[in-house]
Amino acid sequence: MSKLYVGNLPHSATDSSLSEFVTNAGFGVASAQVMRDKFTGQARGFGFVELSDGQDLQRAVSSLNGQSLEGRPLTVNEARPQQQRTGGGFSGQRDRGGRDRGGRKRNY
């Protein structure tokens, strides 16, 4: 299956409104997902649409890119695999201040 990245979505966009938008443009949709902030649930302004089998990915990109959804011009590209994240993560018991997670100073 072919997967599209859809950017500059309005924050009011839902999975169903994204799916409906692509379907109304003449493409079969297997799934549509608007990405949301994991803490607030707020739409993050982008999503992914998986086209049905046999759909022309490049035709969908050229047809949908720049189209307007709720007054916002969309950026549509072929979705790329997620990059591996490296470094910068929290991976231990202590924070950078030398305290354990409970806020107590640890003696080493």
PDB file of N, CA and C in Angstrom:
ATOM      1  N   MET A   1       0.829  -1.191   0.000  1.00  0.00           N
ATOM      2  CA  MET A   1       0.000   0.000   0.000  1.00  0.00           C
ATOM      3  C   MET A   1       0.870   1.249   0.000  1.00  0.00           C
ATOM      4  N   SER A   2       0.305   2.324  -0.484  1.00  0.00           N
ATOM      5  CA  SER A   2       1.002   3.596  -0.573  1.00  0.00           C
ATOM      6  C   SER A   2       0.567   4.489   0.570  1.00  0.00           C
ATOM      7  N   LYS A   3       1.528   5.234   1.140  1.00  0.00           N
ATOM      8  CA  LYS A   3       1.225   6.078   2.285  1.00  0.00           C
ATOM      9  C   LYS A   3       1.617   7.518   2.001  1.00  0.00           C
ATOM     10  N   LEU A   4       0.698   8.440   2.308  1.00  0.00           N
ATOM     11  CA  LEU A   4       0.913   9.861   2.127  1.00  0.00           C
ATOM     12  C   LEU A   4       1.156  10.547   3.463  1.00  0.00           C
ATOM     13  N   TYR A   5       2.051  11.530   3.457  1.00  0.00           N
ATOM     14  CA  TYR A   5       2.201  12.457   4.573  1.00  0.00           C
ATOM     15  C   TYR A   5       1.373  13.680   4.209  1.00  0.00           C
ATOM     16  N   VAL A   6       0.536  14.146   5.131  1.00  0.00           N
ATOM     17  CA  VAL A   6      -0.276  15.336   4.897  1.00  0.00           C
ATOM     18  C   VAL A   6       0.040  16.333   6.000  1.00  0.00           C
ATOM     19  N   GLY A   7       0.640  17.464   5.621  1.00  0.00           N
ATOM     20  CA  GLY A   7       1.036  18.471   6.593  1.00  0.00           C
ATOM     21  C   GLY A   7       0.208  19.734   6.484  1.00  0.00           C
ATOM     22  N   ASN A   8       0.319  20.592   7.495  1.00  0.00           N
ATOM     23  CA  ASN A   8      -0.401  21.863   7.622  1.00  0.00           C
ATOM     24  C   ASN A   8      -1.900  21.639   7.805  1.00  0.00           C
ATOM     25  N   LEU A   9      -2.245  20.544   8.481  1.00  0.00           N
ATOM     26  CA  LEU A   9      -3.655  20.274   8.766  1.00  0.00           C
ATOM     27  C   LEU A   9      -4.171  21.254   9.816  1.00  0.00           C
ATOM     28  N   PRO A  10      -5.445  21.643   9.710  1.00  0.00           N
ATOM     29  CA  PRO A  10      -6.023  22.471  10.770  1.00  0.00           C
ATOM     30  C   PRO A  10      -6.105  21.658  12.064  1.00  0.00           C
ATOM     31  N   HIS A  11      -6.028  22.328  13.193  1.00  0.00           N
ATOM     32  CA  HIS A  11      -6.054  21.617  14.477  1.00  0.00           C
ATOM     33  C   HIS A  11      -7.409  20.968  14.755  1.00  0.00           C
ATOM     34  N   SER A  12      -8.423  21.349  13.988  1.00  0.00           N
ATOM     35  CA  SER A  12      -9.742  20.733  14.152  1.00  0.00           C
ATOM     36  C   SER A  12      -9.888  19.453  13.322  1.00  0.00           C
ATOM     37  N   ALA A  13      -8.872  19.096  12.545  1.00  0.00           N
ATOM     38  CA  ALA A  13      -8.954  17.916  11.680  1.00  0.00           C
ATOM     39  C   ALA A  13      -9.057  16.639  12.507  1.00  0.00           C
ATOM     40  N   THR A  14      -9.833  15.700  11.984  1.00  0.00           N
ATOM     41  CA  THR A  14      -9.985  14.382  12.606  1.00  0.00           C
ATOM     42  C   THR A  14      -9.601  13.317  11.588  1.00  0.00           C
ATOM     43  N   ASP A  15      -9.464  12.088  12.053  1.00  0.00           N
ATOM     44  CA  ASP A  15      -9.160  10.982  11.143  1.00  0.00           C
ATOM     45  C   ASP A  15     -10.224  10.894  10.048  1.00  0.00           C
ATOM     46  N   SER A  16     -11.487  11.016  10.432  1.00  0.00           N
ATOM     47  CA  SER A  16     -12.566  10.887   9.450  1.00  0.00           C
ATOM     48  C   SER A  16     -12.616  12.066   8.485  1.00  0.00           C
ATOM     49  N   SER A  17     -12.332  13.287   8.957  1.00  0.00           N
ATOM     50  CA  SER A  17     -12.356  14.432   8.031  1.00  0.00           C
ATOM     51  C   SER A  17     -11.198  14.343   7.037  1.00  0.00           C
ATOM     52  N   LEU A  18     -10.046  13.830   7.466  1.00  0.00           N
ATOM     53  CA  LEU A  18      -8.910  13.641   6.568  1.00  0.00           C
ATOM     54  C   LEU A  18      -9.229  12.564   5.536  1.00  0.00           C
ATOM     55  N   SER A  19      -9.796  11.468   5.992  1.00  0.00           N
ATOM     56  CA  SER A  19     -10.180  10.389   5.085  1.00  0.00           C
ATOM     57  C   SER A  19     -11.206  10.876   4.065  1.00  0.00           C
ATOM     58  N   GLU A  20     -12.183  11.617   4.529  1.00  0.00           N
ATOM     59  CA  GLU A  20     -13.240  12.148   3.654  1.00  0.00           C
ATOM     60  C   GLU A  20     -12.648  13.100   2.609  1.00  0.00           C
ATOM     61  N   PHE A  21     -11.709  13.945   3.013  1.00  0.00           N
ATOM     62  CA  PHE A  21     -11.072  14.886   2.098  1.00  0.00           C
ATOM     63  C   PHE A  21     -10.380  14.153   0.950  1.00  0.00           C
ATOM     64  N   VAL A  22      -9.615  13.109   1.271  1.00  0.00           N
ATOM     65  CA  VAL A  22      -8.883  12.353   0.246  1.00  0.00           C
ATOM     66  C   VAL A  22      -9.850  11.553  -0.623  1.00  0.00           C
ATOM     67  N   THR A  23     -10.877  10.983  -0.017  1.00  0.00           N
ATOM     68  CA  THR A  23     -11.882  10.229  -0.764  1.00  0.00           C
ATOM     69  C   THR A  23     -12.612  11.138  -1.749  1.00  0.00           C
ATOM     70  N   ASN A  24     -12.974  12.342  -1.301  1.00  0.00           N
ATOM     71  CA  ASN A  24     -13.674  13.291  -2.175  1.00  0.00           C
ATOM     72  C   ASN A  24     -12.808  13.753  -3.340  1.00  0.00           C
ATOM     73  N   ALA A  25     -11.494  13.639  -3.202  1.00  0.00           N
ATOM     74  CA  ALA A  25     -10.578  13.992  -4.294  1.00  0.00           C
ATOM     75  C   ALA A  25     -10.453  12.849  -5.303  1.00  0.00           C
ATOM     76  N   GLY A  26     -11.098  11.725  -5.018  1.00  0.00           N
ATOM     77  CA  GLY A  26     -11.129  10.626  -5.974  1.00  0.00           C
ATOM     78  C   GLY A  26     -10.168   9.486  -5.696  1.00  0.00           C
ATOM     79  N   PHE A  27      -9.682   9.390  -4.467  1.00  0.00           N
ATOM     80  CA  PHE A  27      -8.741   8.327  -4.125  1.00  0.00           C
ATOM     81  C   PHE A  27      -9.332   7.416  -3.064  1.00  0.00           C
ATOM     82  N   GLY A  28      -9.044   6.119  -3.177  1.00  0.00           N
ATOM     83  CA  GLY A  28      -9.493   5.159  -2.185  1.00  0.00           C
ATOM     84  C   GLY A  28      -8.604   5.208  -0.956  1.00  0.00           C
ATOM     85  N   VAL A  29      -9.210   5.221   0.208  1.00  0.00           N
ATOM     86  CA  VAL A  29      -8.464   5.335   1.462  1.00  0.00           C
ATOM     87  C   VAL A  29      -8.607   4.052   2.260  1.00  0.00           C
ATOM     88  N   ALA A  30      -7.464   3.449   2.626  1.00  0.00           N
ATOM     89  CA  ALA A  30      -7.467   2.275   3.496  1.00  0.00           C
ATOM     90  C   ALA A  30      -7.500   2.720   4.955  1.00  0.00           C
ATOM     91  N   SER A  31      -6.765   3.802   5.280  1.00  0.00           N
ATOM     92  CA  SER A  31      -6.774   4.346   6.640  1.00  0.00           C
ATOM     93  C   SER A  31      -6.282   5.780   6.609  1.00  0.00           C
ATOM     94  N   ALA A  32      -6.684   6.542   7.607  1.00  0.00           N
ATOM     95  CA  ALA A  32      -6.229   7.923   7.761  1.00  0.00           C
ATOM     96  C   ALA A  32      -6.043   8.177   9.245  1.00  0.00           C
ATOM     97  N   GLN A  33      -4.929   8.837   9.591  1.00  0.00           N
ATOM     98  CA  GLN A  33      -4.658   9.114  10.998  1.00  0.00           C
ATOM     99  C   GLN A  33      -4.066  10.504  11.147  1.00  0.00           C
ATOM    100  N   VAL A  34      -4.733  11.339  11.951  1.00  0.00           N
ATOM    101  CA  VAL A  34      -4.209  12.645  12.323  1.00  0.00           C
ATOM    102  C   VAL A  34      -3.381  12.425  13.581  1.00  0.00           C
ATOM    103  N   MET A  35      -2.136  12.862  13.551  1.00  0.00           N
ATOM    104  CA  MET A  35      -1.253  12.662  14.697  1.00  0.00           C
ATOM    105  C   MET A  35      -1.613  13.649  15.803  1.00  0.00           C
ATOM    106  N   ARG A  36      -1.628  13.139  17.045  1.00  0.00           N
ATOM    107  CA  ARG A  36      -2.042  13.946  18.193  1.00  0.00           C
ATOM    108  C   ARG A  36      -0.964  13.952  19.261  1.00  0.00           C
ATOM    109  N   ASP A  37      -0.918  15.041  20.029  1.00  0.00           N
ATOM    110  CA  ASP A  37      -0.009  15.145  21.168  1.00  0.00           C
ATOM    111  C   ASP A  37      -0.424  14.095  22.186  1.00  0.00           C
ATOM    112  N   LYS A  38       0.530  13.314  22.679  1.00  0.00           N
ATOM    113  CA  LYS A  38       0.170  12.212  23.574  1.00  0.00           C
ATOM    114  C   LYS A  38      -0.291  12.683  24.943  1.00  0.00           C
ATOM    115  N   PHE A  39       0.015  13.911  25.322  1.00  0.00           N
ATOM    116  CA  PHE A  39      -0.400  14.406  26.632  1.00  0.00           C
ATOM    117  C   PHE A  39      -1.708  15.199  26.568  1.00  0.00           C
ATOM    118  N   THR A  40      -1.863  16.049  25.547  1.00  0.00           N
ATOM    119  CA  THR A  40      -3.044  16.916  25.475  1.00  0.00           C
ATOM    120  C   THR A  40      -4.128  16.394  24.551  1.00  0.00           C
ATOM    121  N   GLY A  41      -3.764  15.518  23.609  1.00  0.00           N
ATOM    122  CA  GLY A  41      -4.730  15.023  22.638  1.00  0.00           C
ATOM    123  C   GLY A  41      -4.961  16.001  21.494  1.00  0.00           C
ATOM    124  N   GLN A  42      -4.295  17.149  21.527  1.00  0.00           N
ATOM    125  CA  GLN A  42      -4.429  18.179  20.488  1.00  0.00           C
ATOM    126  C   GLN A  42      -3.799  17.681  19.184  1.00  0.00           C
ATOM    127  N   ALA A  43      -4.471  17.933  18.061  1.00  0.00           N
ATOM    128  CA  ALA A  43      -3.912  17.566  16.763  1.00  0.00           C
ATOM    129  C   ALA A  43      -2.602  18.312  16.551  1.00  0.00           C
ATOM    130  N   ARG A  44      -1.600  17.611  16.006  1.00  0.00           N
ATOM    131  CA  ARG A  44      -0.266  18.188  15.844  1.00  0.00           C
ATOM    132  C   ARG A  44      -0.065  18.866  14.495  1.00  0.00           C
ATOM    133  N   GLY A  45      -1.081  18.868  13.633  1.00  0.00           N
ATOM    134  CA  GLY A  45      -0.986  19.580  12.362  1.00  0.00           C
ATOM    135  C   GLY A  45      -0.508  18.736  11.196  1.00  0.00           C
ATOM    136  N   PHE A  46      -0.380  17.425  11.403  1.00  0.00           N
ATOM    137  CA  PHE A  46      -0.022  16.542  10.290  1.00  0.00           C
ATOM    138  C   PHE A  46      -0.627  15.169  10.517  1.00  0.00           C
ATOM    139  N   GLY A  47      -0.654  14.401   9.449  1.00  0.00           N
ATOM    140  CA  GLY A  47      -1.206  13.059   9.543  1.00  0.00           C
ATOM    141  C   GLY A  47      -0.747  12.206   8.378  1.00  0.00           C
ATOM    142  N   PHE A  48      -1.255  10.992   8.337  1.00  0.00           N
ATOM    143  CA  PHE A  48      -0.881  10.030   7.306  1.00  0.00           C
ATOM    144  C   PHE A  48      -2.127   9.381   6.738  1.00  0.00           C
ATOM    145  N   VAL A  49      -2.107   9.152   5.428  1.00  0.00           N
ATOM    146  CA  VAL A  49      -3.211   8.488   4.741  1.00  0.00           C
ATOM    147  C   VAL A  49      -2.638   7.319   3.973  1.00  0.00           C
ATOM    148  N   GLU A  50      -3.182   6.144   4.235  1.00  0.00           N
ATOM    149  CA  GLU A  50      -2.782   4.952   3.496  1.00  0.00           C
ATOM    150  C   GLU A  50      -3.799   4.752   2.382  1.00  0.00           C
ATOM    151  N   LEU A  51      -3.326   4.800   1.140  1.00  0.00           N
ATOM    152  CA  LEU A  51      -4.204   4.633  -0.008  1.00  0.00           C
ATOM    153  C   LEU A  51      -4.519   3.166  -0.228  1.00  0.00           C
ATOM    154  N   SER A  52      -5.690   2.906  -0.801  1.00  0.00           N
ATOM    155  CA  SER A  52      -6.080   1.536  -1.123  1.00  0.00           C
ATOM    156  C   SER A  52      -5.137   0.952  -2.162  1.00  0.00           C
ATOM    157  N   ASP A  53      -5.108  -0.361  -2.235  1.00  0.00           N
ATOM    158  CA  ASP A  53      -4.267  -1.041  -3.219  1.00  0.00           C
ATOM    159  C   ASP A  53      -4.565  -0.525  -4.624  1.00  0.00           C
ATOM    160  N   GLY A  54      -3.517  -0.382  -5.415  1.00  0.00           N
ATOM    161  CA  GLY A  54      -3.689   0.023  -6.803  1.00  0.00           C
ATOM    162  C   GLY A  54      -3.800   1.520  -7.024  1.00  0.00           C
ATOM    163  N   GLN A  55      -3.808   2.313  -5.961  1.00  0.00           N
ATOM    164  CA  GLN A  55      -3.909   3.764  -6.105  1.00  0.00           C
ATOM    165  C   GLN A  55      -2.558   4.328  -6.532  1.00  0.00           C
ATOM    166  N   ASP A  56      -2.576   5.331  -7.386  1.00  0.00           N
ATOM    167  CA  ASP A  56      -1.358   5.954  -7.891  1.00  0.00           C
ATOM    168  C   ASP A  56      -0.864   7.007  -6.907  1.00  0.00           C
ATOM    169  N   LEU A  57       0.221   6.694  -6.209  1.00  0.00           N
ATOM    170  CA  LEU A  57       0.763   7.571  -5.181  1.00  0.00           C
ATOM    171  C   LEU A  57       1.169   8.927  -5.748  1.00  0.00           C
ATOM    172  N   GLN A  58       1.911   8.923  -6.842  1.00  0.00           N
ATOM    173  CA  GLN A  58       2.386  10.192  -7.409  1.00  0.00           C
ATOM    174  C   GLN A  58       1.230  11.056  -7.917  1.00  0.00           C
ATOM    175  N   ARG A  59       0.215  10.430  -8.460  1.00  0.00           N
ATOM    176  CA  ARG A  59      -0.965  11.187  -8.907  1.00  0.00           C
ATOM    177  C   ARG A  59      -1.679  11.800  -7.708  1.00  0.00           C
ATOM    178  N   ALA A  60      -1.748  11.066  -6.613  1.00  0.00           N
ATOM    179  CA  ALA A  60      -2.374  11.583  -5.396  1.00  0.00           C
ATOM    180  C   ALA A  60      -1.582  12.762  -4.841  1.00  0.00           C
ATOM    181  N   VAL A  61      -0.249  12.652  -4.817  1.00  0.00           N
ATOM    182  CA  VAL A  61       0.591  13.747  -4.313  1.00  0.00           C
ATOM    183  C   VAL A  61       0.371  14.993  -5.155  1.00  0.00           C
ATOM    184  N   SER A  62       0.455  14.854  -6.488  1.00  0.00           N
ATOM    185  CA  SER A  62       0.327  16.025  -7.354  1.00  0.00           C
ATOM    186  C   SER A  62      -1.082  16.613  -7.307  1.00  0.00           C
ATOM    187  N   SER A  63      -2.071  15.778  -7.109  1.00  0.00           N
ATOM    188  CA  SER A  63      -3.452  16.256  -7.059  1.00  0.00           C
ATOM    189  C   SER A  63      -3.793  16.940  -5.735  1.00  0.00           C
ATOM    190  N   LEU A  64      -3.286  16.411  -4.626  1.00  0.00           N
ATOM    191  CA  LEU A  64      -3.666  16.914  -3.298  1.00  0.00           C
ATOM    192  C   LEU A  64      -2.750  18.011  -2.766  1.00  0.00           C
ATOM    193  N   ASN A  65      -1.481  18.029  -3.175  1.00  0.00           N
ATOM    194  CA  ASN A  65      -0.544  19.018  -2.650  1.00  0.00           C
ATOM    195  C   ASN A  65      -1.003  20.427  -3.021  1.00  0.00           C
ATOM    196  N   GLY A  66      -1.127  21.280  -2.007  1.00  0.00           N
ATOM    197  CA  GLY A  66      -1.567  22.650  -2.234  1.00  0.00           C
ATOM    198  C   GLY A  66      -3.065  22.841  -2.127  1.00  0.00           C
ATOM    199  N   GLN A  67      -3.826  21.733  -2.102  1.00  0.00           N
ATOM    200  CA  GLN A  67      -5.272  21.851  -1.929  1.00  0.00           C
ATOM    201  C   GLN A  67      -5.579  22.409  -0.541  1.00  0.00           C
ATOM    202  N   SER A  68      -6.721  23.043  -0.401  1.00  0.00           N
ATOM    203  CA  SER A  68      -7.070  23.701   0.855  1.00  0.00           C
ATOM    204  C   SER A  68      -8.065  22.853   1.659  1.00  0.00           C
ATOM    205  N   LEU A  69      -7.791  22.731   2.953  1.00  0.00           N
ATOM    206  CA  LEU A  69      -8.706  22.077   3.887  1.00  0.00           C
ATOM    207  C   LEU A  69      -8.960  23.056   5.021  1.00  0.00           C
ATOM    208  N   GLU A  70     -10.194  23.491   5.154  1.00  0.00           N
ATOM    209  CA  GLU A  70     -10.592  24.493   6.154  1.00  0.00           C
ATOM    210  C   GLU A  70      -9.718  25.739   6.052  1.00  0.00           C
ATOM    211  N   GLY A  71      -9.441  26.161   4.819  1.00  0.00           N
ATOM    212  CA  GLY A  71      -8.693  27.384   4.589  1.00  0.00           C
ATOM    213  C   GLY A  71      -7.184  27.262   4.696  1.00  0.00           C
ATOM    214  N   ARG A  72      -6.681  26.058   4.912  1.00  0.00           N
ATOM    215  CA  ARG A  72      -5.223  25.870   5.042  1.00  0.00           C
ATOM    216  C   ARG A  72      -4.703  25.071   3.855  1.00  0.00           C
ATOM    217  N   PRO A  73      -3.685  25.593   3.149  1.00  0.00           N
ATOM    218  CA  PRO A  73      -3.105  24.843   2.026  1.00  0.00           C
ATOM    219  C   PRO A  73      -2.275  23.665   2.551  1.00  0.00           C
ATOM    220  N   LEU A  74      -2.586  22.483   2.076  1.00  0.00           N
ATOM    221  CA  LEU A  74      -1.936  21.278   2.573  1.00  0.00           C
ATOM    222  C   LEU A  74      -0.615  21.000   1.867  1.00  0.00           C
ATOM    223  N   THR A  75       0.297  20.401   2.601  1.00  0.00           N
ATOM    224  CA  THR A  75       1.540  19.894   2.049  1.00  0.00           C
ATOM    225  C   THR A  75       1.406  18.376   2.001  1.00  0.00           C
ATOM    226  N   VAL A  76       1.460  17.812   0.815  1.00  0.00           N
ATOM    227  CA  VAL A  76       1.281  16.368   0.657  1.00  0.00           C
ATOM    228  C   VAL A  76       2.503  15.788  -0.044  1.00  0.00           C
ATOM    229  N   ASN A  77       3.096  14.781   0.581  1.00  0.00           N
ATOM    230  CA  ASN A  77       4.266  14.087   0.042  1.00  0.00           C
ATOM    231  C   ASN A  77       4.113  12.593   0.287  1.00  0.00           C
ATOM    232  N   GLU A  78       4.988  11.829  -0.360  1.00  0.00           N
ATOM    233  CA  GLU A  78       5.065  10.409  -0.038  1.00  0.00           C
ATOM    234  C   GLU A  78       5.644  10.287   1.365  1.00  0.00           C
ATOM    235  N   ALA A  79       5.013   9.489   2.200  1.00  0.00           N
ATOM    236  CA  ALA A  79       5.503   9.298   3.568  1.00  0.00           C
ATOM    237  C   ALA A  79       6.806   8.522   3.536  1.00  0.00           C
ATOM    238  N   ARG A  80       7.755   8.960   4.353  1.00  0.00           N
ATOM    239  CA  ARG A  80       9.043   8.277   4.477  1.00  0.00           C
ATOM    240  C   ARG A  80       9.071   7.527   5.796  1.00  0.00           C
ATOM    241  N   PRO A  81       9.850   6.452   5.876  1.00  0.00           N
ATOM    242  CA  PRO A  81       9.950   5.713   7.147  1.00  0.00           C
ATOM    243  C   PRO A  81      10.490   6.625   8.253  1.00  0.00           C
ATOM    244  N   GLN A  82      10.014   6.399   9.468  1.00  0.00           N
ATOM    245  CA  GLN A  82      10.457   7.198  10.612  1.00  0.00           C
ATOM    246  C   GLN A  82      11.937   6.969  10.867  1.00  0.00           C
ATOM    247  N   GLN A  83      12.657   8.063  11.120  1.00  0.00           N
ATOM    248  CA  GLN A  83      14.087   7.981  11.399  1.00  0.00           C
ATOM    249  C   GLN A  83      14.309   7.475  12.817  1.00  0.00           C
ATOM    250  N   GLN A  84      15.404   6.729  13.016  1.00  0.00           N
ATOM    251  CA  GLN A  84      15.777   6.282  14.347  1.00  0.00           C
ATOM    252  C   GLN A  84      16.244   7.488  15.149  1.00  0.00           C
ATOM    253  N   ARG A  85      15.769   7.608  16.358  1.00  0.00           N
ATOM    254  CA  ARG A  85      16.211   8.690  17.228  1.00  0.00           C
ATOM    255  C   ARG A  85      17.433   8.228  18.006  1.00  0.00           C
ATOM    256  N   THR A  86      18.410   9.132  18.141  1.00  0.00           N
ATOM    257  CA  THR A  86      19.614   8.780  18.884  1.00  0.00           C
ATOM    258  C   THR A  86      19.932   9.855  19.898  1.00  0.00           C
ATOM    259  N   GLY A  87      20.404   9.418  21.067  1.00  0.00           N
ATOM    260  CA  GLY A  87      20.897  10.333  22.097  1.00  0.00           C
ATOM    261  C   GLY A  87      19.860  11.289  22.628  1.00  0.00           C
ATOM    262  N   GLY A  88      20.247  12.007  23.660  1.00  0.00           N
ATOM    263  CA  GLY A  88      19.422  13.053  24.211  1.00  0.00           C
ATOM    264  C   GLY A  88      18.300  12.585  25.106  1.00  0.00           C
ATOM    265  N   GLY A  89      18.093  11.299  25.215  1.00  0.00           N
ATOM    266  CA  GLY A  89      16.980  10.796  26.007  1.00  0.00           C
ATOM    267  C   GLY A  89      17.342  10.593  27.466  1.00  0.00           C
ATOM    268  N   PHE A  90      16.350  10.500  28.307  1.00  0.00           N
ATOM    269  CA  PHE A  90      16.543  10.229  29.722  1.00  0.00           C
ATOM    270  C   PHE A  90      16.637   8.726  29.880  1.00  0.00           C
ATOM    271  N   SER A  91      17.751   8.253  30.426  1.00  0.00           N
ATOM    272  CA  SER A  91      17.913   6.804  30.462  1.00  0.00           C
ATOM    273  C   SER A  91      18.394   6.281  31.808  1.00  0.00           C
ATOM    274  N   GLY A  92      18.346   7.087  32.849  1.00  0.00           N
ATOM    275  CA  GLY A  92      18.850   6.585  34.112  1.00  0.00           C
ATOM    276  C   GLY A  92      17.973   6.979  35.282  1.00  0.00           C
ATOM    277  N   GLN A  93      18.422   6.608  36.476  1.00  0.00           N
ATOM    278  CA  GLN A  93      17.682   6.917  37.696  1.00  0.00           C
ATOM    279  C   GLN A  93      17.807   8.381  38.088  1.00  0.00           C
ATOM    280  N   ARG A  94      18.921   9.005  37.731  1.00  0.00           N
ATOM    281  CA  ARG A  94      19.172  10.363  38.193  1.00  0.00           C
ATOM    282  C   ARG A  94      18.876  11.374  37.106  1.00  0.00           C
ATOM    283  N   ASP A  95      18.435  12.571  37.530  1.00  0.00           N
ATOM    284  CA  ASP A  95      18.324  13.645  36.560  1.00  0.00           C
ATOM    285  C   ASP A  95      19.668  14.355  36.500  1.00  0.00           C
ATOM    286  N   ARG A  96      19.773  15.425  35.758  1.00  0.00           N
ATOM    287  CA  ARG A  96      21.063  16.095  35.574  1.00  0.00           C
ATOM    288  C   ARG A  96      21.542  16.806  36.823  1.00  0.00           C
ATOM    289  N   GLY A  97      20.665  16.995  37.806  1.00  0.00           N
ATOM    290  CA  GLY A  97      21.058  17.669  39.032  1.00  0.00           C
ATOM    291  C   GLY A  97      21.593  16.721  40.082  1.00  0.00           C
ATOM    292  N   GLY A  98      21.733  15.441  39.762  1.00  0.00           N
ATOM    293  CA  GLY A  98      22.268  14.480  40.706  1.00  0.00           C
ATOM    294  C   GLY A  98      21.246  14.018  41.722  1.00  0.00           C
ATOM    295  N   ARG A  99      19.991  14.243  41.459  1.00  0.00           N
ATOM    296  CA  ARG A  99      18.935  13.830  42.389  1.00  0.00           C
ATOM    297  C   ARG A  99      18.212  12.612  41.814  1.00  0.00           C
ATOM    298  N   ASP A 100      17.701  11.774  42.708  1.00  0.00           N
ATOM    299  CA  ASP A 100      16.935  10.638  42.194  1.00  0.00           C
ATOM    300  C   ASP A 100      15.546  11.133  41.814  1.00  0.00           C
ATOM    301  N   ARG A 101      14.711  10.256  41.297  1.00  0.00           N
ATOM    302  CA  ARG A 101      13.400  10.676  40.803  1.00  0.00           C
ATOM    303  C   ARG A 101      12.508  11.246  41.896  1.00  0.00           C
ATOM    304  N   GLY A 102      12.750  10.921  43.132  1.00  0.00           N
ATOM    305  CA  GLY A 102      11.943  11.440  44.232  1.00  0.00           C
ATOM    306  C   GLY A 102      12.381  12.820  44.688  1.00  0.00           C
ATOM    307  N   GLY A 103      13.434  13.360  44.085  1.00  0.00           N
ATOM    308  CA  GLY A 103      13.890  14.695  44.418  1.00  0.00           C
ATOM    309  C   GLY A 103      14.922  14.736  45.535  1.00  0.00           C
ATOM    310  N   ARG A 104      15.292  13.564  46.083  1.00  0.00           N
ATOM    311  CA  ARG A 104      16.267  13.511  47.173  1.00  0.00           C
ATOM    312  C   ARG A 104      17.687  13.490  46.600  1.00  0.00           C
ATOM    313  N   LYS A 105      18.583  14.196  47.257  1.00  0.00           N
ATOM    314  CA  LYS A 105      19.980  14.192  46.848  1.00  0.00           C
ATOM    315  C   LYS A 105      20.588  12.833  47.160  1.00  0.00           C
ATOM    316  N   ARG A 106      21.304  12.277  46.198  1.00  0.00           N
ATOM    317  CA  ARG A 106      21.908  10.966  46.410  1.00  0.00           C
ATOM    318  C   ARG A 106      23.365  11.151  46.798  1.00  0.00           C
ATOM    319  N   ASN A 107      23.824  10.339  47.715  1.00  0.00           N
ATOM    320  CA  ASN A 107      25.212  10.369  48.147  1.00  0.00           C
ATOM    321  C   ASN A 107      25.963   9.237  47.465  1.00  0.00           C
ATOM    322  N   TYR A 108      26.978   9.591  46.721  1.00  0.00           N
ATOM    323  CA  TYR A 108      27.753   8.565  45.996  1.00  0.00           C
ATOM    324  C   TYR A 108      29.134   8.490  46.549  1.00  0.00           C
TER     325      TYR A 108
END
